[in-house]
């Protein structure tokens, strides 16, 4: 993600969501980008930090599962 606002980064992330024909690797990369954005939110917003950290962890687990062929 860039140095832009969370809203802009979230919008870009959603626009880049892989389609049905995307490979597991492409989908895993997207989940990693999602986790990165959530971790940025956790680092800057105390009210959302616990939830954002949890969701980032789930996204990382999903990415790992896709890379391991457990889609």
C-alpha atoms as a PDB file:
ATOM      1  CA  UNK A   1       0.000   0.000   0.000  1.00  0.00           C
ATOM      2  CA  UNK A   2       1.074   3.529  -0.588  1.00  0.00           C
ATOM      3  CA  UNK A   3       1.253   6.542   1.689  1.00  0.00           C
ATOM      4  CA  UNK A   4      -2.322   7.451   0.795  1.00  0.00           C
ATOM      5  CA  UNK A   5      -5.357   7.433   3.062  1.00  0.00           C
ATOM      6  CA  UNK A   6      -6.854   4.234   4.388  1.00  0.00           C
ATOM      7  CA  UNK A   7      -9.996   4.880   2.349  1.00  0.00           C
ATOM      8  CA  UNK A   8      -8.001   5.176  -0.868  1.00  0.00           C
ATOM      9  CA  UNK A   9      -5.951   2.085  -0.040  1.00  0.00           C
ATOM     10  CA  UNK A  10      -9.079   0.113   0.851  1.00  0.00           C
ATOM     11  CA  UNK A  11     -10.723   1.181  -2.387  1.00  0.00           C
ATOM     12  CA  UNK A  12      -7.638   0.118  -4.355  1.00  0.00           C
ATOM     13  CA  UNK A  13      -7.551  -3.211  -2.510  1.00  0.00           C
ATOM     14  CA  UNK A  14     -11.189  -3.925  -3.284  1.00  0.00           C
ATOM     15  CA  UNK A  15     -10.717  -2.995  -6.955  1.00  0.00           C
ATOM     16  CA  UNK A  16      -7.802  -5.424  -7.166  1.00  0.00           C
ATOM     17  CA  UNK A  17      -9.700  -8.368  -5.656  1.00  0.00           C
ATOM     18  CA  UNK A  18      -8.896 -11.447  -7.758  1.00  0.00           C
ATOM     19  CA  UNK A  19     -11.647 -12.885  -9.902  1.00  0.00           C
ATOM     20  CA  UNK A  20     -12.873 -16.459 -10.059  1.00  0.00           C
ATOM     21  CA  UNK A  21     -10.185 -17.440 -12.565  1.00  0.00           C
ATOM     22  CA  UNK A  22      -7.280 -16.129 -10.458  1.00  0.00           C
ATOM     23  CA  UNK A  23      -4.607 -18.548  -9.360  1.00  0.00           C
ATOM     24  CA  UNK A  24      -4.149 -19.491  -5.719  1.00  0.00           C
ATOM     25  CA  UNK A  25      -0.915 -17.469  -5.735  1.00  0.00           C
ATOM     26  CA  UNK A  26      -2.708 -14.350  -6.953  1.00  0.00           C
ATOM     27  CA  UNK A  27      -5.391 -14.801  -4.324  1.00  0.00           C
ATOM     28  CA  UNK A  28      -2.762 -15.384  -1.606  1.00  0.00           C
ATOM     29  CA  UNK A  29      -0.945 -12.187  -2.615  1.00  0.00           C
ATOM     30  CA  UNK A  30      -4.229 -10.275  -2.339  1.00  0.00           C
ATOM     31  CA  UNK A  31      -4.857 -11.637   1.164  1.00  0.00           C
ATOM     32  CA  UNK A  32      -1.344 -10.530   2.150  1.00  0.00           C
ATOM     33  CA  UNK A  33      -2.083  -7.012   0.865  1.00  0.00           C
ATOM     34  CA  UNK A  34      -5.321  -7.065   2.870  1.00  0.00           C
ATOM     35  CA  UNK A  35      -3.397  -8.095   5.998  1.00  0.00           C
ATOM     36  CA  UNK A  36      -0.864  -5.303   5.401  1.00  0.00           C
ATOM     37  CA  UNK A  37      -3.648  -2.714   5.265  1.00  0.00           C
ATOM     38  CA  UNK A  38      -5.274  -4.110   8.410  1.00  0.00           C
ATOM     39  CA  UNK A  39      -1.952  -3.993  10.231  1.00  0.00           C
ATOM     40  CA  UNK A  40      -1.554  -0.328   9.224  1.00  0.00           C
ATOM     41  CA  UNK A  41      -4.983   0.351  10.706  1.00  0.00           C
ATOM     42  CA  UNK A  42      -4.050  -1.517  13.885  1.00  0.00           C
ATOM     43  CA  UNK A  43      -0.872   0.530  14.253  1.00  0.00           C
ATOM     44  CA  UNK A  44      -2.663   3.859  13.995  1.00  0.00           C
ATOM     45  CA  UNK A  45      -6.138   3.432  15.486  1.00  0.00           C
ATOM     46  CA  UNK A  46      -6.346   2.323  19.098  1.00  0.00           C
ATOM     47  CA  UNK A  47     -10.111   1.739  18.916  1.00  0.00           C
ATOM     48  CA  UNK A  48      -9.802  -0.723  16.050  1.00  0.00           C
ATOM     49  CA  UNK A  49      -6.409  -2.221  16.793  1.00  0.00           C
ATOM     50  CA  UNK A  50      -7.440  -5.515  18.417  1.00  0.00           C
ATOM     51  CA  UNK A  51     -10.003  -6.313  15.757  1.00  0.00           C
ATOM     52  CA  UNK A  52      -7.699  -5.235  12.929  1.00  0.00           C
ATOM     53  CA  UNK A  53      -4.857  -7.400  14.278  1.00  0.00           C
ATOM     54  CA  UNK A  54      -7.210 -10.391  14.479  1.00  0.00           C
ATOM     55  CA  UNK A  55      -8.487  -9.848  10.941  1.00  0.00           C
ATOM     56  CA  UNK A  56      -4.932  -9.398   9.639  1.00  0.00           C
ATOM     57  CA  UNK A  57      -4.009 -12.745  11.197  1.00  0.00           C
ATOM     58  CA  UNK A  58      -6.978 -14.429   9.539  1.00  0.00           C
ATOM     59  CA  UNK A  59      -5.993 -12.937   6.177  1.00  0.00           C
ATOM     60  CA  UNK A  60      -2.401 -14.202   6.613  1.00  0.00           C
ATOM     61  CA  UNK A  61      -3.714 -17.678   7.482  1.00  0.00           C
ATOM     62  CA  UNK A  62      -5.870 -17.659   4.359  1.00  0.00           C
ATOM     63  CA  UNK A  63      -2.872 -16.630   2.246  1.00  0.00           C
ATOM     64  CA  UNK A  64      -0.779 -19.421   3.748  1.00  0.00           C
ATOM     65  CA  UNK A  65      -3.520 -21.991   3.138  1.00  0.00           C
ATOM     66  CA  UNK A  66      -3.787 -20.933  -0.507  1.00  0.00           C
ATOM     67  CA  UNK A  67      -0.028 -21.208  -0.958  1.00  0.00           C
ATOM     68  CA  UNK A  68      -0.089 -24.676   0.577  1.00  0.00           C
ATOM     69  CA  UNK A  69      -2.910 -25.790  -1.707  1.00  0.00           C
ATOM     70  CA  UNK A  70      -5.522 -25.808   1.047  1.00  0.00           C
ATOM     71  CA  UNK A  71      -7.940 -23.436  -0.690  1.00  0.00           C
END
